[in-house]
Amino acid sequence: IEKLTGKRFRGRKIRRKALDAAIKTVGRAQYQARRL
């Protein structure tokens, strides 16, 4: 994934803050799925 999107990231790495934010984003979707 990093190689495919690498030109957008310094050092071609997924950053810690970006991964934390992504986990929270998907977590919010999961919460609404559990509500349903």
PDB file of all heavy atoms in Angstrom:
ATOM      1  N   ILE A   1       0.840  -1.199   0.000  1.00  0.00           N
ATOM      2  CA  ILE A   1       0.000   0.000   0.000  1.00  0.00           C
ATOM      3  C   ILE A   1       0.875   1.250   0.000  1.00  0.00           C
ATOM      4  O   ILE A   1       0.598   2.227  -0.714  1.00  0.00           O
ATOM      5  CB  ILE A   1      -0.954  -0.017   1.218  1.00  0.00           C
ATOM      6  CG1 ILE A   1      -1.934  -1.196   1.114  1.00  0.00           C
ATOM      7  CG2 ILE A   1      -1.718   1.301   1.320  1.00  0.00           C
ATOM      8  CD1 ILE A   1      -2.765  -1.420   2.357  1.00  0.00           C
ATOM      9  N   GLU A   2       1.929   1.236   0.802  1.00  0.00           N
ATOM     10  CA  GLU A   2       2.849   2.379   0.850  1.00  0.00           C
ATOM     11  C   GLU A   2       3.509   2.612  -0.502  1.00  0.00           C
ATOM     12  O   GLU A   2       3.689   3.759  -0.931  1.00  0.00           O
ATOM     13  CB  GLU A   2       3.908   2.141   1.923  1.00  0.00           C
ATOM     14  CG  GLU A   2       3.382   2.262   3.342  1.00  0.00           C
ATOM     15  CD  GLU A   2       4.363   1.776   4.386  1.00  0.00           C
ATOM     16  OE1 GLU A   2       5.263   0.987   4.050  1.00  0.00           O
ATOM     17  OE2 GLU A   2       4.222   2.181   5.559  1.00  0.00           O
ATOM     18  N   LYS A   3       3.859   1.539  -1.179  1.00  0.00           N
ATOM     19  CA  LYS A   3       4.491   1.676  -2.489  1.00  0.00           C
ATOM     20  C   LYS A   3       3.526   2.292  -3.493  1.00  0.00           C
ATOM     21  O   LYS A   3       3.907   3.158  -4.298  1.00  0.00           O
ATOM     22  CB  LYS A   3       4.963   0.307  -2.984  1.00  0.00           C
ATOM     23  CG  LYS A   3       5.703   0.349  -4.310  1.00  0.00           C
ATOM     24  CD  LYS A   3       6.185  -1.038  -4.702  1.00  0.00           C
ATOM     25  CE  LYS A   3       6.914  -0.984  -6.044  1.00  0.00           C
ATOM     26  NZ  LYS A   3       7.372  -2.340  -6.458  1.00  0.00           N
ATOM     27  N   LEU A   4       2.263   1.854  -3.462  1.00  0.00           N
ATOM     28  CA  LEU A   4       1.260   2.388  -4.391  1.00  0.00           C
ATOM     29  C   LEU A   4       0.998   3.866  -4.156  1.00  0.00           C
ATOM     30  O   LEU A   4       0.824   4.637  -5.093  1.00  0.00           O
ATOM     31  CB  LEU A   4      -0.044   1.591  -4.256  1.00  0.00           C
ATOM     32  CG  LEU A   4      -1.178   2.010  -5.193  1.00  0.00           C
ATOM     33  CD1 LEU A   4      -0.859   1.623  -6.631  1.00  0.00           C
ATOM     34  CD2 LEU A   4      -2.501   1.370  -4.760  1.00  0.00           C
ATOM     35  N   THR A   5       0.981   4.268  -2.896  1.00  0.00           N
ATOM     36  CA  THR A   5       0.625   5.655  -2.544  1.00  0.00           C
ATOM     37  C   THR A   5       1.848   6.459  -2.118  1.00  0.00           C
ATOM     38  O   THR A   5       1.707   7.581  -1.637  1.00  0.00           O
ATOM     39  CB  THR A   5      -0.395   5.661  -1.396  1.00  0.00           C
ATOM     40  OG1 THR A   5       0.180   5.017  -0.251  1.00  0.00           O
ATOM     41  CG2 THR A   5      -1.672   4.931  -1.779  1.00  0.00           C
ATOM     42  N   GLY A   6       3.059   5.896  -2.304  1.00  0.00           N
ATOM     43  CA  GLY A   6       4.278   6.444  -1.709  1.00  0.00           C
ATOM     44  C   GLY A   6       4.604   7.866  -2.062  1.00  0.00           C
ATOM     45  O   GLY A   6       5.194   8.593  -1.256  1.00  0.00           O
ATOM     46  N   LYS A   7       4.241   8.316  -3.250  1.00  0.00           N
ATOM     47  CA  LYS A   7       4.624   9.670  -3.642  1.00  0.00           C
ATOM     48  C   LYS A   7       3.952  10.740  -2.786  1.00  0.00           C
ATOM     49  O   LYS A   7       4.347  11.890  -2.805  1.00  0.00           O
ATOM     50  CB  LYS A   7       4.272   9.907  -5.107  1.00  0.00           C
ATOM     51  CG  LYS A   7       2.787   9.793  -5.420  1.00  0.00           C
ATOM     52  CD  LYS A   7       2.532   9.974  -6.903  1.00  0.00           C
ATOM     53  CE  LYS A   7       1.046   9.860  -7.235  1.00  0.00           C
ATOM     54  NZ  LYS A   7       0.787  10.033  -8.672  1.00  0.00           N
ATOM     55  N   ARG A   8       2.945  10.308  -2.027  1.00  0.00           N
ATOM     56  CA  ARG A   8       2.227  11.265  -1.171  1.00  0.00           C
ATOM     57  C   ARG A   8       2.836  11.355   0.226  1.00  0.00           C
ATOM     58  O   ARG A   8       2.408  12.159   1.045  1.00  0.00           O
ATOM     59  CB  ARG A   8       0.759  10.863  -1.036  1.00  0.00           C
ATOM     60  CG  ARG A   8      -0.016  10.904  -2.340  1.00  0.00           C
ATOM     61  CD  ARG A   8      -1.410  10.329  -2.152  1.00  0.00           C
ATOM     62  NE  ARG A   8      -2.094  10.935  -1.023  1.00  0.00           N
ATOM     63  CZ  ARG A   8      -2.737  12.093  -1.071  1.00  0.00           C
ATOM     64  NH1 ARG A   8      -2.745  12.792  -2.188  1.00  0.00           N
ATOM     65  NH2 ARG A   8      -3.362  12.565  -0.017  1.00  0.00           N
ATOM     66  N   PHE A   9       3.816  10.479   0.546  1.00  0.00           N
ATOM     67  CA  PHE A   9       4.295  10.407   1.923  1.00  0.00           C
ATOM     68  C   PHE A   9       5.819  10.480   1.973  1.00  0.00           C
ATOM     69  O   PHE A   9       6.510   9.812   1.200  1.00  0.00           O
ATOM     70  CB  PHE A   9       3.836   9.102   2.593  1.00  0.00           C
ATOM     71  CG  PHE A   9       2.362   9.046   2.763  1.00  0.00           C
ATOM     72  CD1 PHE A   9       1.560   8.478   1.787  1.00  0.00           C
ATOM     73  CD2 PHE A   9       1.754   9.594   3.869  1.00  0.00           C
ATOM     74  CE1 PHE A   9       0.190   8.441   1.921  1.00  0.00           C
ATOM     75  CE2 PHE A   9       0.385   9.555   4.017  1.00  0.00           C
ATOM     76  CZ  PHE A   9      -0.395   8.985   3.040  1.00  0.00           C
ATOM     77  N   ARG A  10       6.323  11.261   2.870  1.00  0.00           N
ATOM     78  CA  ARG A  10       7.755  11.343   3.090  1.00  0.00           C
ATOM     79  C   ARG A  10       8.283   9.973   3.536  1.00  0.00           C
ATOM     80  O   ARG A  10       7.800   9.384   4.483  1.00  0.00           O
ATOM     81  CB  ARG A  10       8.050  12.385   4.169  1.00  0.00           C
ATOM     82  CG  ARG A  10       9.540  12.654   4.380  1.00  0.00           C
ATOM     83  CD  ARG A  10       9.718  13.678   5.478  1.00  0.00           C
ATOM     84  NE  ARG A  10       9.190  13.176   6.740  1.00  0.00           N
ATOM     85  CZ  ARG A  10       9.003  13.942   7.809  1.00  0.00           C
ATOM     86  NH1 ARG A  10       9.254  15.234   7.746  1.00  0.00           N
ATOM     87  NH2 ARG A  10       8.527  13.424   8.928  1.00  0.00           N
ATOM     88  N   GLY A  11       9.287   9.507   2.833  1.00  0.00           N
ATOM     89  CA  GLY A  11       9.857   8.213   3.192  1.00  0.00           C
ATOM     90  C   GLY A  11       8.965   7.032   2.868  1.00  0.00           C
ATOM     91  O   GLY A  11       9.257   5.905   3.244  1.00  0.00           O
ATOM     92  N   ARG A  12       7.868   7.280   2.174  1.00  0.00           N
ATOM     93  CA  ARG A  12       6.962   6.203   1.751  1.00  0.00           C
ATOM     94  C   ARG A  12       6.477   5.354   2.922  1.00  0.00           C
ATOM     95  O   ARG A  12       6.395   4.126   2.829  1.00  0.00           O
ATOM     96  CB  ARG A  12       7.631   5.313   0.705  1.00  0.00           C
ATOM     97  CG  ARG A  12       7.898   6.016  -0.610  1.00  0.00           C
ATOM     98  CD  ARG A  12       8.365   5.029  -1.656  1.00  0.00           C
ATOM     99  NE  ARG A  12       8.468   5.664  -2.964  1.00  0.00           N
ATOM    100  CZ  ARG A  12       8.751   5.027  -4.084  1.00  0.00           C
ATOM    101  NH1 ARG A  12       8.947   3.723  -4.046  1.00  0.00           N
ATOM    102  NH2 ARG A  12       8.842   5.657  -5.231  1.00  0.00           N
ATOM    103  N   LYS A  13       6.167   5.961   4.021  1.00  0.00           N
ATOM    104  CA  LYS A  13       5.717   5.229   5.197  1.00  0.00           C
ATOM    105  C   LYS A  13       4.362   5.730   5.664  1.00  0.00           C
ATOM    106  O   LYS A  13       4.067   6.925   5.608  1.00  0.00           O
ATOM    107  CB  LYS A  13       6.725   5.382   6.351  1.00  0.00           C
ATOM    108  CG  LYS A  13       8.115   4.822   6.078  1.00  0.00           C
ATOM    109  CD  LYS A  13       8.092   3.299   6.009  1.00  0.00           C
ATOM    110  CE  LYS A  13       9.504   2.756   5.829  1.00  0.00           C
ATOM    111  NZ  LYS A  13       9.505   1.283   5.746  1.00  0.00           N
ATOM    112  N   ILE A  14       3.547   4.776   6.136  1.00  0.00           N
ATOM    113  CA  ILE A  14       2.311   5.152   6.814  1.00  0.00           C
ATOM    114  C   ILE A  14       2.692   5.694   8.189  1.00  0.00           C
ATOM    115  O   ILE A  14       3.385   5.024   8.952  1.00  0.00           O
ATOM    116  CB  ILE A  14       1.370   3.944   6.948  1.00  0.00           C
ATOM    117  CG1 ILE A  14       0.815   3.548   5.569  1.00  0.00           C
ATOM    118  CG2 ILE A  14       0.223   4.236   7.907  1.00  0.00           C
ATOM    119  CD1 ILE A  14      -0.010   2.279   5.577  1.00  0.00           C
ATOM    120  N   ARG A  15       2.255   6.885   8.494  1.00  0.00           N
ATOM    121  CA  ARG A  15       2.636   7.530   9.745  1.00  0.00           C
ATOM    122  C   ARG A  15       1.748   7.084  10.906  1.00  0.00           C
ATOM    123  O   ARG A  15       0.586   6.692  10.720  1.00  0.00           O
ATOM    124  CB  ARG A  15       2.562   9.054   9.597  1.00  0.00           C
ATOM    125  CG  ARG A  15       3.508   9.616   8.532  1.00  0.00           C
ATOM    126  CD  ARG A  15       4.934   9.320   8.871  1.00  0.00           C
ATOM    127  NE  ARG A  15       5.851   9.767   7.820  1.00  0.00           N
ATOM    128  CZ  ARG A  15       7.151   9.530   7.813  1.00  0.00           C
ATOM    129  NH1 ARG A  15       7.695   8.827   8.786  1.00  0.00           N
ATOM    130  NH2 ARG A  15       7.906   9.972   6.834  1.00  0.00           N
ATOM    131  N   ARG A  16       2.317   7.174  12.103  1.00  0.00           N
ATOM    132  CA  ARG A  16       1.612   6.745  13.314  1.00  0.00           C
ATOM    133  C   ARG A  16       0.303   7.500  13.491  1.00  0.00           C
ATOM    134  O   ARG A  16      -0.738   6.898  13.771  1.00  0.00           O
ATOM    135  CB  ARG A  16       2.528   6.964  14.521  1.00  0.00           C
ATOM    136  CG  ARG A  16       1.908   6.590  15.863  1.00  0.00           C
ATOM    137  CD  ARG A  16       2.886   6.848  16.989  1.00  0.00           C
ATOM    138  NE  ARG A  16       3.268   8.255  17.047  1.00  0.00           N
ATOM    139  CZ  ARG A  16       2.521   9.202  17.629  1.00  0.00           C
ATOM    140  NH1 ARG A  16       1.364   8.890  18.194  1.00  0.00           N
ATOM    141  NH2 ARG A  16       2.941  10.452  17.658  1.00  0.00           N
ATOM    142  N   LYS A  17       0.333   8.824  13.330  1.00  0.00           N
ATOM    143  CA  LYS A  17      -0.883   9.625  13.516  1.00  0.00           C
ATOM    144  C   LYS A  17      -1.950   9.279  12.472  1.00  0.00           C
ATOM    145  O   LYS A  17      -3.142   9.260  12.767  1.00  0.00           O
ATOM    146  CB  LYS A  17      -0.544  11.112  13.461  1.00  0.00           C
ATOM    147  CG  LYS A  17       0.223  11.617  14.680  1.00  0.00           C
ATOM    148  CD  LYS A  17       0.437  13.124  14.603  1.00  0.00           C
ATOM    149  CE  LYS A  17       1.176  13.631  15.848  1.00  0.00           C
ATOM    150  NZ  LYS A  17       1.412  15.096  15.787  1.00  0.00           N
ATOM    151  N   ALA A  18      -1.495   9.019  11.234  1.00  0.00           N
ATOM    152  CA  ALA A  18      -2.443   8.674  10.173  1.00  0.00           C
ATOM    153  C   ALA A  18      -3.119   7.338  10.462  1.00  0.00           C
ATOM    154  O   ALA A  18      -4.328   7.177  10.253  1.00  0.00           O
ATOM    155  CB  ALA A  18      -1.725   8.624   8.827  1.00  0.00           C
ATOM    156  N   LEU A  19      -2.348   6.368  10.961  1.00  0.00           N
ATOM    157  CA  LEU A  19      -2.929   5.065  11.275  1.00  0.00           C
ATOM    158  C   LEU A  19      -3.873   5.163  12.468  1.00  0.00           C
ATOM    159  O   LEU A  19      -4.951   4.547  12.473  1.00  0.00           O
ATOM    160  CB  LEU A  19      -1.817   4.055  11.559  1.00  0.00           C
ATOM    161  CG  LEU A  19      -2.258   2.597  11.758  1.00  0.00           C
ATOM    162  CD1 LEU A  19      -3.105   2.112  10.595  1.00  0.00           C
ATOM    163  CD2 LEU A  19      -1.049   1.685  11.952  1.00  0.00           C
ATOM    164  N   ASP A  20      -3.507   5.936  13.457  1.00  0.00           N
ATOM    165  CA  ASP A  20      -4.383   6.143  14.610  1.00  0.00           C
ATOM    166  C   ASP A  20      -5.700   6.784  14.183  1.00  0.00           C
ATOM    167  O   ASP A  20      -6.780   6.370  14.614  1.00  0.00           O
ATOM    168  CB  ASP A  20      -3.670   7.020  15.646  1.00  0.00           C
ATOM    169  CG  ASP A  20      -4.524   7.257  16.894  1.00  0.00           C
ATOM    170  OD1 ASP A  20      -5.112   6.287  17.402  1.00  0.00           O
ATOM    171  OD2 ASP A  20      -4.605   8.416  17.338  1.00  0.00           O
ATOM    172  N   ALA A  21      -5.607   7.782  13.290  1.00  0.00           N
ATOM    173  CA  ALA A  21      -6.818   8.459  12.802  1.00  0.00           C
ATOM    174  C   ALA A  21      -7.690   7.504  11.996  1.00  0.00           C
ATOM    175  O   ALA A  21      -8.924   7.519  12.100  1.00  0.00           O
ATOM    176  CB  ALA A  21      -6.426   9.668  11.952  1.00  0.00           C
ATOM    177  N   ALA A  22      -7.058   6.636  11.190  1.00  0.00           N
ATOM    178  CA  ALA A  22      -7.815   5.677  10.385  1.00  0.00           C
ATOM    179  C   ALA A  22      -8.535   4.663  11.267  1.00  0.00           C
ATOM    180  O   ALA A  22      -9.690   4.302  11.009  1.00  0.00           O
ATOM    181  CB  ALA A  22      -6.877   4.965   9.416  1.00  0.00           C
ATOM    182  N   ILE A  23      -7.868   4.213  12.320  1.00  0.00           N
ATOM    183  CA  ILE A  23      -8.496   3.274  13.260  1.00  0.00           C
ATOM    184  C   ILE A  23      -9.725   3.914  13.906  1.00  0.00           C
ATOM    185  O   ILE A  23     -10.778   3.278  14.052  1.00  0.00           O
ATOM    186  CB  ILE A  23      -7.480   2.825  14.329  1.00  0.00           C
ATOM    187  CG1 ILE A  23      -6.428   1.908  13.703  1.00  0.00           C
ATOM    188  CG2 ILE A  23      -8.175   2.113  15.486  1.00  0.00           C
ATOM    189  CD1 ILE A  23      -5.266   1.567  14.619  1.00  0.00           C
ATOM    190  N   LYS A  24      -9.616   5.176  14.266  1.00  0.00           N
ATOM    191  CA  LYS A  24     -10.751   5.870  14.875  1.00  0.00           C
ATOM    192  C   LYS A  24     -11.884   6.081  13.875  1.00  0.00           C
ATOM    193  O   LYS A  24     -13.060   5.965  14.225  1.00  0.00           O
ATOM    194  CB  LYS A  24     -10.281   7.210  15.440  1.00  0.00           C
ATOM    195  CG  LYS A  24      -9.393   7.071  16.672  1.00  0.00           C
ATOM    196  CD  LYS A  24      -8.874   8.421  17.147  1.00  0.00           C
ATOM    197  CE  LYS A  24      -7.988   8.262  18.390  1.00  0.00           C
ATOM    198  NZ  LYS A  24      -7.389   9.557  18.814  1.00  0.00           N
ATOM    199  N   THR A  25     -11.525   6.378  12.625  1.00  0.00           N
ATOM    200  CA  THR A  25     -12.548   6.585  11.593  1.00  0.00           C
ATOM    201  C   THR A  25     -13.350   5.316  11.360  1.00  0.00           C
ATOM    202  O   THR A  25     -14.588   5.337  11.336  1.00  0.00           O
ATOM    203  CB  THR A  25     -11.890   7.038  10.270  1.00  0.00           C
ATOM    204  OG1 THR A  25     -11.262   8.302  10.468  1.00  0.00           O
ATOM    205  CG2 THR A  25     -12.924   7.157   9.162  1.00  0.00           C
ATOM    206  N   VAL A  26     -12.667   4.200  11.191  1.00  0.00           N
ATOM    207  CA  VAL A  26     -13.366   2.928  10.994  1.00  0.00           C
ATOM    208  C   VAL A  26     -14.103   2.528  12.272  1.00  0.00           C
ATOM    209  O   VAL A  26     -15.207   1.970  12.215  1.00  0.00           O
ATOM    210  CB  VAL A  26     -12.375   1.831  10.564  1.00  0.00           C
ATOM    211  CG1 VAL A  26     -13.075   0.477  10.457  1.00  0.00           C
ATOM    212  CG2 VAL A  26     -11.727   2.188   9.225  1.00  0.00           C
ATOM    213  N   GLY A  27     -13.524   2.850  13.421  1.00  0.00           N
ATOM    214  CA  GLY A  27     -14.192   2.554  14.688  1.00  0.00           C
ATOM    215  C   GLY A  27     -15.528   3.255  14.828  1.00  0.00           C
ATOM    216  O   GLY A  27     -16.480   2.692  15.376  1.00  0.00           O
ATOM    217  N   ARG A  28     -15.612   4.481  14.319  1.00  0.00           N
ATOM    218  CA  ARG A  28     -16.896   5.200  14.375  1.00  0.00           C
ATOM    219  C   ARG A  28     -17.938   4.535  13.474  1.00  0.00           C
ATOM    220  O   ARG A  28     -19.124   4.478  13.821  1.00  0.00           O
ATOM    221  CB  ARG A  28     -16.685   6.671  13.987  1.00  0.00           C
ATOM    222  CG  ARG A  28     -16.007   7.487  15.089  1.00  0.00           C
ATOM    223  CD  ARG A  28     -15.999   8.966  14.766  1.00  0.00           C
ATOM    224  NE  ARG A  28     -15.002   9.298  13.755  1.00  0.00           N
ATOM    225  CZ  ARG A  28     -13.747   9.631  14.021  1.00  0.00           C
ATOM    226  NH1 ARG A  28     -13.315   9.657  15.269  1.00  0.00           N
ATOM    227  NH2 ARG A  28     -12.908   9.939  13.046  1.00  0.00           N
ATOM    228  N   ALA A  29     -17.491   4.020  12.321  1.00  0.00           N
ATOM    229  CA  ALA A  29     -18.411   3.275  11.453  1.00  0.00           C
ATOM    230  C   ALA A  29     -18.881   2.001  12.149  1.00  0.00           C
ATOM    231  O   ALA A  29     -20.064   1.638  12.094  1.00  0.00           O
ATOM    232  CB  ALA A  29     -17.722   2.941  10.127  1.00  0.00           C
ATOM    233  N   GLN A  30     -17.964   1.319  12.823  1.00  0.00           N
ATOM    234  CA  GLN A  30     -18.324   0.107  13.557  1.00  0.00           C
ATOM    235  C   GLN A  30     -19.337   0.395  14.659  1.00  0.00           C
ATOM    236  O   GLN A  30     -20.253  -0.390  14.897  1.00  0.00           O
ATOM    237  CB  GLN A  30     -17.068  -0.524  14.159  1.00  0.00           C
ATOM    238  CG  GLN A  30     -16.111  -1.088  13.131  1.00  0.00           C
ATOM    239  CD  GLN A  30     -14.783  -1.475  13.743  1.00  0.00           C
ATOM    240  OE1 GLN A  30     -14.289  -0.802  14.644  1.00  0.00           O
ATOM    241  NE2 GLN A  30     -14.196  -2.549  13.261  1.00  0.00           N
ATOM    242  N   TYR A  31     -19.164   1.533  15.319  1.00  0.00           N
ATOM    243  CA  TYR A  31     -20.092   1.887  16.392  1.00  0.00           C
ATOM    244  C   TYR A  31     -21.511   2.047  15.849  1.00  0.00           C
ATOM    245  O   TYR A  31     -22.481   1.569  16.457  1.00  0.00           O
ATOM    246  CB  TYR A  31     -19.634   3.182  17.065  1.00  0.00           C
ATOM    247  CG  TYR A  31     -20.625   3.717  18.079  1.00  0.00           C
ATOM    248  CD1 TYR A  31     -20.760   3.108  19.327  1.00  0.00           C
ATOM    249  CD2 TYR A  31     -21.436   4.811  17.784  1.00  0.00           C
ATOM    250  CE1 TYR A  31     -21.682   3.575  20.250  1.00  0.00           C
ATOM    251  CE2 TYR A  31     -22.360   5.284  18.702  1.00  0.00           C
ATOM    252  CZ  TYR A  31     -22.476   4.666  19.934  1.00  0.00           C
ATOM    253  OH  TYR A  31     -23.395   5.134  20.835  1.00  0.00           O
ATOM    254  N   GLN A  32     -21.632   2.712  14.693  1.00  0.00           N
ATOM    255  CA  GLN A  32     -22.962   2.903  14.112  1.00  0.00           C
ATOM    256  C   GLN A  32     -23.534   1.576  13.606  1.00  0.00           C
ATOM    257  O   GLN A  32     -24.743   1.350  13.679  1.00  0.00           O
ATOM    258  CB  GLN A  32     -22.906   3.928  12.985  1.00  0.00           C
ATOM    259  CG  GLN A  32     -22.602   5.344  13.453  1.00  0.00           C
ATOM    260  CD  GLN A  32     -23.605   5.847  14.494  1.00  0.00           C
ATOM    261  OE1 GLN A  32     -24.795   5.527  14.443  1.00  0.00           O
ATOM    262  NE2 GLN A  32     -23.112   6.624  15.455  1.00  0.00           N
ATOM    263  N   ALA A  33     -22.660   0.685  13.103  1.00  0.00           N
ATOM    264  CA  ALA A  33     -23.131  -0.641  12.691  1.00  0.00           C
ATOM    265  C   ALA A  33     -23.661  -1.423  13.896  1.00  0.00           C
ATOM    266  O   ALA A  33     -24.664  -2.126  13.801  1.00  0.00           O
ATOM    267  CB  ALA A  33     -22.001  -1.410  12.006  1.00  0.00           C
ATOM    268  N   ARG A  34     -22.991  -1.261  15.034  1.00  0.00           N
ATOM    269  CA  ARG A  34     -23.461  -1.944  16.250  1.00  0.00           C
ATOM    270  C   ARG A  34     -24.771  -1.337  16.746  1.00  0.00           C
ATOM    271  O   ARG A  34     -25.609  -2.050  17.308  1.00  0.00           O
ATOM    272  CB  ARG A  34     -22.389  -1.886  17.336  1.00  0.00           C
ATOM    273  CG  ARG A  34     -21.224  -2.829  17.074  1.00  0.00           C
ATOM    274  CD  ARG A  34     -20.369  -3.031  18.322  1.00  0.00           C
ATOM    275  NE  ARG A  34     -19.776  -1.783  18.784  1.00  0.00           N
ATOM    276  CZ  ARG A  34     -18.646  -1.261  18.305  1.00  0.00           C
ATOM    277  NH1 ARG A  34     -18.003  -1.882  17.333  1.00  0.00           N
ATOM    278  NH2 ARG A  34     -18.161  -0.145  18.789  1.00  0.00           N
ATOM    279  N   ARG A  35     -24.943  -0.043  16.563  1.00  0.00           N
ATOM    280  CA  ARG A  35     -26.238   0.574  16.918  1.00  0.00           C
ATOM    281  C   ARG A  35     -27.366  -0.064  16.107  1.00  0.00           C
ATOM    282  O   ARG A  35     -28.422  -0.399  16.651  1.00  0.00           O
ATOM    283  CB  ARG A  35     -26.216   2.077  16.641  1.00  0.00           C
ATOM    284  CG  ARG A  35     -25.595   2.933  17.729  1.00  0.00           C
ATOM    285  CD  ARG A  35     -25.742   4.410  17.394  1.00  0.00           C
ATOM    286  NE  ARG A  35     -27.110   4.879  17.512  1.00  0.00           N
ATOM    287  CZ  ARG A  35     -27.544   6.050  17.038  1.00  0.00           C
ATOM    288  NH1 ARG A  35     -26.713   6.851  16.381  1.00  0.00           N
ATOM    289  NH2 ARG A  35     -28.794   6.405  17.202  1.00  0.00           N
ATOM    290  N   LEU A  36     -27.131  -0.229  14.806  1.00  0.00           N
ATOM    291  CA  LEU A  36     -28.134  -0.866  13.952  1.00  0.00           C
ATOM    292  C   LEU A  36     -28.377  -2.305  14.400  1.00  0.00           C
ATOM    293  O   LEU A  36     -29.519  -2.780  14.430  1.00  0.00           O
ATOM    294  CB  LEU A  36     -27.672  -0.830  12.497  1.00  0.00           C
ATOM    295  CG  LEU A  36     -28.631  -1.416  11.456  1.00  0.00           C
ATOM    296  CD1 LEU A  36     -29.927  -0.605  11.398  1.00  0.00           C
ATOM    297  CD2 LEU A  36     -27.980  -1.464  10.076  1.00  0.00           C
TER     298      LEU A  36
END
